[in-house]
Protein backbone atom coordinates (compact mmCIF):
# COMPACT_ATOMS: atom_id res chain seq x y z
CA UNK A 1 7.30 240.92 145.81
CA UNK A 2 5.02 238.15 144.80
CA UNK A 3 2.48 239.62 142.24
CA UNK A 4 -0.78 238.47 140.20
CA UNK A 5 1.62 237.36 137.44
CA UNK A 6 4.08 235.53 139.73
CA UNK A 7 0.70 234.13 141.43
CA UNK A 8 -0.33 232.64 138.04
CA UNK A 9 3.01 231.48 137.27
CA UNK A 10 2.94 229.38 140.34
CA UNK A 11 -0.53 228.11 139.41
CA UNK A 12 0.86 227.02 136.14
CA UNK A 13 3.74 225.23 137.46
CA UNK A 14 6.00 227.12 135.24
CA UNK A 15 9.45 228.53 136.79
CA UNK A 16 8.45 231.91 138.42
CA UNK A 17 10.71 234.73 137.04
CA UNK A 18 11.47 233.25 133.74
CA UNK A 19 12.15 235.38 132.29
CA UNK A 20 8.31 239.82 125.95
CA UNK A 21 5.90 245.66 115.19
CA UNK A 22 5.87 247.04 112.47
CA UNK A 23 6.45 248.77 109.31
CA UNK A 24 6.22 247.32 105.76
CA UNK A 25 6.62 248.97 102.66
CA UNK A 26 3.61 248.50 100.26
CA UNK A 27 4.38 250.59 97.34
CA UNK A 28 2.87 254.15 98.30
CA UNK A 29 3.72 255.45 101.63
CA UNK A 30 0.80 255.50 103.50
CA UNK A 31 2.12 256.29 106.88
CA UNK A 32 0.38 259.05 109.01
CA UNK A 33 2.53 262.22 109.87
CA UNK A 34 1.61 262.94 113.32
CA UNK A 35 1.95 259.63 115.39
CA UNK A 36 2.17 259.58 118.77
CA UNK A 37 5.83 258.66 119.98
CA UNK A 38 5.05 254.81 120.45
CA UNK A 39 3.36 253.89 117.27
CA UNK A 40 5.59 256.15 115.57
CA UNK A 41 8.79 254.31 116.99
CA UNK A 42 6.96 250.91 116.39
CA UNK A 43 6.41 252.12 112.71
CA UNK A 44 9.98 252.72 112.17
CA UNK A 45 11.35 249.45 113.48
CA UNK A 46 10.27 247.56 110.90
CA UNK A 47 10.79 247.87 106.72
CA UNK A 48 10.96 244.30 105.32
CA UNK A 49 8.11 242.50 104.08
CA UNK A 50 9.32 239.20 105.64
CA UNK A 51 11.17 238.39 108.77
CA UNK A 52 13.25 235.39 110.18
CA UNK A 53 12.17 234.79 114.02
CA UNK A 54 14.87 233.92 116.45
CA UNK A 55 12.92 232.32 119.37
CA UNK A 56 14.61 233.20 122.58
CA UNK A 57 15.07 231.29 125.99
CA UNK A 58 16.25 232.00 129.34
CA UNK A 59 18.76 229.90 131.32
CA UNK A 60 19.48 230.32 134.95
CA UNK A 61 22.35 228.71 136.53
CA UNK A 62 21.27 225.13 137.49
CA UNK A 63 21.63 225.55 141.32
CA UNK A 64 19.00 228.98 140.96
CA UNK A 65 16.81 226.40 138.98
CA UNK A 66 16.53 223.78 141.63
CA UNK A 67 15.72 226.47 144.32
CA UNK A 68 13.11 227.78 142.24
CA UNK A 69 11.48 224.22 141.47
CA UNK A 70 11.61 223.68 145.16
CA UNK A 71 10.03 226.62 146.09
CA UNK A 72 7.32 226.20 143.35
CA UNK A 73 6.81 222.53 144.41
CA UNK A 74 6.37 223.67 147.99
CA UNK A 75 3.59 226.25 147.31
CA UNK A 76 1.65 223.79 145.01
CA UNK A 77 2.12 220.96 147.63
CA UNK A 78 0.71 223.39 150.47
CA UNK A 79 -1.59 224.99 148.53
CA UNK A 80 -4.38 225.73 151.23
CA UNK A 81 -1.46 226.74 153.71
CA UNK A 82 0.19 229.06 151.12
CA UNK A 83 -3.42 230.89 150.35
CA UNK A 84 -3.90 231.44 153.60
CA UNK A 85 -0.32 232.55 154.35
CA UNK A 86 -0.35 234.75 151.28
CA UNK A 87 -3.54 236.65 152.48
CA UNK A 88 -2.46 237.48 155.88
CA UNK A 89 1.02 238.42 155.17
CA UNK A 90 1.58 240.00 151.86
CA UNK A 91 2.35 243.50 151.97
CA UNK A 92 2.40 245.40 148.89
CA UNK A 93 5.96 246.70 147.86
CA UNK A 94 7.52 244.01 150.63
CA UNK A 95 6.12 240.95 149.35
CA UNK A 96 5.99 237.78 151.67
CA UNK A 97 8.10 237.20 154.75
CA UNK A 98 10.09 234.12 154.64
CA UNK A 99 8.52 230.56 156.13
CA UNK A 100 10.15 227.29 156.22
CA UNK A 101 6.64 225.72 154.64
CA UNK A 102 8.28 227.40 151.59
CA UNK A 103 10.43 224.76 151.03
CA UNK A 104 13.40 226.40 150.58
CA UNK A 105 15.95 228.03 153.09
CA UNK A 106 15.79 231.71 154.35
CA UNK A 107 19.10 232.84 152.43
CA UNK A 108 17.67 230.77 149.17
CA UNK A 109 14.13 232.96 149.69
CA UNK A 110 16.55 235.48 149.42
CA UNK A 111 18.02 234.82 146.45
CA UNK A 112 14.67 234.24 144.58
CA UNK A 113 13.48 237.56 145.97
CA UNK A 114 16.90 239.31 144.47
CA UNK A 115 16.75 237.59 141.18
CA UNK A 116 16.83 240.50 138.94
CA UNK A 117 20.28 241.06 140.38
CA UNK A 118 21.17 237.97 138.08
CA UNK A 119 19.75 237.89 134.89
CA UNK A 120 19.63 234.77 132.68
CA UNK A 121 21.69 233.76 129.69
CA UNK A 122 19.60 233.99 126.57
CA UNK A 123 20.11 231.67 123.85
CA UNK A 124 18.37 231.23 120.48
CA UNK A 125 16.52 227.82 120.67
CA UNK A 126 15.11 227.83 117.11
CA UNK A 127 14.14 229.96 114.21
CA UNK A 128 11.27 230.29 111.76
CA UNK A 129 10.09 232.49 108.85
CA UNK A 130 7.13 234.90 108.70
CA UNK A 131 5.61 237.42 106.28
CA UNK A 132 4.58 240.68 107.04
CA UNK A 133 1.50 242.25 105.65
CA UNK A 134 0.02 245.87 105.75
CA UNK A 135 -3.56 246.59 104.75
CA UNK A 136 -5.28 249.85 105.03
CA UNK A 137 -2.25 250.65 107.19
CA UNK A 138 -2.97 247.62 109.77
CA UNK A 139 0.15 245.47 109.99
CA UNK A 140 -0.15 241.72 110.78
CA UNK A 141 1.96 238.72 110.35
CA UNK A 142 1.43 235.49 107.89
CA UNK A 143 3.11 232.37 108.74
CA UNK A 144 2.69 228.54 107.80
CA UNK A 145 4.33 227.48 111.21
CA UNK A 146 1.31 225.99 112.97
CA UNK A 147 3.25 226.54 116.27
CA UNK A 148 3.14 230.45 116.10
CA UNK A 149 -0.27 230.58 114.47
CA UNK A 150 -1.48 232.71 117.15
CA UNK A 151 1.28 235.52 115.90
CA UNK A 152 -1.32 236.16 113.25
CA UNK A 153 -3.66 237.38 115.65
CA UNK A 154 -1.48 240.26 116.56
CA UNK A 155 -2.33 243.33 114.90
CA UNK A 156 -1.13 246.91 114.63
CA UNK A 157 -3.54 249.66 113.43
CA UNK A 158 -1.43 252.69 112.64
CA UNK A 159 -3.91 254.75 111.72
CA UNK A 160 -6.06 254.47 114.75
CA UNK A 161 -3.06 253.76 117.05
CA UNK A 162 -4.57 250.51 118.49
CA UNK A 163 -2.81 247.46 119.45
CA UNK A 164 -4.96 244.23 119.18
CA UNK A 165 -4.22 240.46 120.44
CA UNK A 166 -7.07 237.72 119.78
CA UNK A 167 -9.39 240.28 118.87
CA UNK A 168 -8.80 242.03 122.24
CA UNK A 169 -7.50 245.74 122.36
CA UNK A 170 -4.55 246.14 124.33
CA UNK A 171 -4.15 249.49 126.28
CA UNK A 172 -0.76 251.42 125.69
CA UNK A 173 1.30 250.78 129.31
CA UNK A 174 4.51 252.78 129.28
CA UNK A 175 7.69 253.61 127.62
CA UNK A 176 10.82 251.03 128.59
CA UNK A 177 14.51 252.50 128.66
CA UNK A 178 15.95 249.10 129.94
CA UNK A 179 19.31 248.99 131.50
CA UNK A 180 22.40 247.22 130.46
CA UNK A 181 21.56 244.76 133.26
CA UNK A 182 18.56 243.24 131.49
CA UNK A 183 19.02 239.97 130.14
CA UNK A 184 18.95 241.59 126.68
CA UNK A 185 21.30 244.20 127.61
CA UNK A 186 20.29 248.00 127.14
CA UNK A 187 16.94 248.63 124.98
CA UNK A 188 14.51 250.87 124.34
CA UNK A 189 10.76 250.58 123.33
CA UNK A 190 7.23 250.55 124.64
CA UNK A 191 4.51 248.21 126.33
CA UNK A 192 1.15 247.57 125.88
CA UNK A 193 -0.36 245.57 128.93
CA UNK A 194 -3.93 244.56 129.95
CA UNK A 195 -4.66 243.19 133.38
CA UNK A 196 -7.73 241.53 134.72
CA UNK A 197 -8.55 239.90 138.20
CA UNK A 198 -11.43 238.74 140.21
CA UNK A 199 -9.54 239.31 143.03
CA UNK A 200 -8.01 242.74 144.42
CA UNK A 201 -4.74 243.05 146.33
CA UNK A 202 -6.31 243.13 149.68
CA UNK A 203 -8.98 240.01 148.98
CA UNK A 204 -8.31 236.65 150.45
CA UNK A 205 -6.66 234.88 148.11
CA UNK A 206 -8.72 231.75 146.60
CA UNK A 207 -6.67 230.34 143.52
CA UNK A 208 -9.78 227.97 142.87
CA UNK A 209 -12.10 230.92 142.38
CA UNK A 210 -9.32 233.24 140.69
CA UNK A 211 -10.15 234.54 137.33
CA UNK A 212 -7.29 236.60 135.80
CA UNK A 213 -6.02 237.38 132.48
CA UNK A 214 -2.81 239.10 131.49
CA UNK A 215 -2.00 240.23 128.18
CA UNK A 216 1.64 241.92 127.88
CA UNK A 217 3.32 243.11 124.29
CA UNK A 218 6.64 244.94 124.28
CA UNK A 219 8.00 246.03 121.35
CA UNK A 220 11.98 247.25 121.07
CA UNK A 221 15.29 248.05 119.86
CA UNK A 222 18.49 246.03 121.50
CA UNK A 223 21.29 248.36 121.62
CA UNK A 224 24.03 246.13 121.46
CA UNK A 225 22.86 244.17 118.04
CA UNK A 226 20.61 246.87 116.52
CA UNK A 227 17.65 243.83 116.85
CA UNK A 228 14.16 244.21 116.89
CA UNK A 229 12.61 242.67 119.83
CA UNK A 230 9.12 241.16 120.47
CA UNK A 231 7.87 239.98 123.45
CA UNK A 232 4.35 238.66 124.14
CA UNK A 233 2.70 237.28 127.16
CA UNK A 234 -0.63 235.64 127.66
CA UNK A 235 -1.87 234.09 130.79
CA UNK A 236 -5.24 233.10 131.50
CA UNK A 237 -6.96 231.51 134.81
CA UNK A 238 -10.59 230.32 134.84
CA UNK A 239 -11.48 229.26 138.46
CA UNK A 240 -8.34 227.87 139.12
CA UNK A 241 -8.17 226.01 135.59
CA UNK A 242 -5.39 227.25 133.28
CA UNK A 243 -6.73 228.24 130.13
CA UNK A 244 -3.45 229.92 128.24
CA UNK A 245 0.25 230.22 129.34
CA UNK A 246 2.14 231.77 126.68
CA UNK A 247 5.34 233.66 127.64
CA UNK A 248 7.42 234.41 124.58
CA UNK A 249 10.16 236.46 123.21
CA UNK A 250 12.15 236.72 119.94
CA UNK A 251 14.17 238.90 117.59
CA UNK A 252 12.71 240.06 114.56
CA UNK A 253 15.37 240.02 111.81
């Protein structure tokens, strides 16, 4: 099923379907006794004042990568056709029917639709060091690494139970009880999400006029290795122009 997230990924020319914290002891315990389950869970995840971040990448089999690249390139090359085809044929819960203009065979298209049945392999591509800070019961990160400075804009206010990213309040979305078939294996956590689009599901899709923002932050605990998972997605389109494209996952140790 092609959703707003996948449409944005197609615009960004990034592989679709690729397959995103906080407690610090500061001397006196200032934790609130009656936190909601999501914030109590996140507050209990971390107790250190510094972390090693393991940046994760997702690797699909090469044949699947090649299929997705051809599919992606076709939707870019036939942009006007794809917009019209999507607007006329997309059905919620069903997605798009196959068409040869998608640049792949019907069997290959089905593989893309079934991609969740074959999760990618997770690899650690790099590591970094960050400090944690809790001031007035607000958790934040501090790092000297320029490529992850954006992480400093993530703040968790445990007292007021508010999660903030880039000065934008992100609403709570859902509890996550992920099965063993996910790329991370079985894990439990919570998700905060904000999705804004200038075009509704039933509107005629026009990439050049699309204004959309997706912010999603997941925090959880991996059962098999007891590691803390942080996933952060930030994608922004302004009238067809890419303003941001961040899809990031890491372990916090």
